[in-house]
C-alpha cells in the first residue's frame, strides 16, 4: 500500500470530521445525518488503514 496516499487520505478524512464538528450548526438538517454517517465511515476506515499499515 502506498504510504503517501494513505497519509493524504487520513489527513483529509480527519479534516472532514473536524469541519463537520465545528460547523454542525451551519449544515442544513437534511444533510446532517448523511454527512455524519459518511464521516464516521471514512474516519473508521482511516483508523483501519492506520492499523493495517502498522501491522504490515
Protein backbone atom coordinates (compact mmCIF):
# COMPACT_ATOMS: atom_id res chain seq x y z
CA UNK A 1 0.00 0.00 0.00
CA UNK A 2 1.32 3.43 -0.92
CA UNK A 3 2.04 5.28 2.32
CA UNK A 4 1.88 8.72 0.72
CA UNK A 5 -1.69 8.23 -0.48
CA UNK A 6 -2.62 6.73 2.87
CA UNK A 7 -1.32 9.73 4.79
CA UNK A 8 -3.15 12.14 2.48
CA UNK A 9 -6.40 10.15 2.88
CA UNK A 10 -6.09 10.13 6.68
CA UNK A 11 -5.40 13.87 6.85
CA UNK A 12 -8.31 14.70 4.55
CA UNK A 13 -10.73 12.46 6.44
CA UNK A 14 -9.75 13.87 9.82
CA UNK A 15 -10.12 17.40 8.44
CA UNK A 16 -13.58 16.49 7.12
CA UNK A 17 -14.55 15.23 10.57
CA UNK A 18 -13.21 18.40 12.22
CA UNK A 19 -15.07 20.65 9.77
CA UNK A 20 -18.32 18.77 10.36
CA UNK A 21 -17.94 19.00 14.13
CA UNK A 22 -17.06 22.70 14.09
CA UNK A 23 -19.73 23.68 11.56
CA UNK A 24 -22.55 21.42 12.68
CA UNK A 25 -24.86 24.39 13.29
CA UNK A 26 -24.46 25.64 9.70
CA UNK A 27 -25.21 22.33 7.97
CA UNK A 28 -28.81 22.03 6.76
CA UNK A 29 -30.84 19.46 8.72
CA UNK A 30 -31.46 17.36 5.61
CA UNK A 31 -27.72 16.82 5.11
CA UNK A 32 -26.66 16.35 8.73
CA UNK A 33 -27.38 12.64 9.01
CA UNK A 34 -25.86 11.72 5.65
CA UNK A 35 -22.72 13.77 6.19
CA UNK A 36 -22.33 12.42 9.72
CA UNK A 37 -22.67 8.80 8.60
CA UNK A 38 -20.25 9.35 5.73
CA UNK A 39 -17.73 11.00 8.04
CA UNK A 40 -18.00 8.19 10.60
CA UNK A 41 -17.46 5.54 7.95
CA UNK A 42 -14.48 7.37 6.45
CA UNK A 43 -12.89 8.02 9.85
CA UNK A 44 -13.33 4.36 10.83
CA UNK A 45 -11.79 3.33 7.51
CA UNK A 46 -8.87 5.68 8.14
CA UNK A 47 -8.20 4.06 11.51
CA UNK A 48 -8.41 0.60 9.94
CA UNK A 49 -5.83 1.71 7.37
CA UNK A 50 -3.59 3.05 10.16
CA UNK A 51 -3.73 -0.27 12.00
CA UNK A 52 -3.17 -2.18 8.76
CA UNK A 53 -0.14 -0.10 7.86
CA UNK A 54 1.34 -0.59 11.34
CA UNK A 55 0.89 -4.37 11.15
CA UNK A 56 2.09 -4.78 7.56
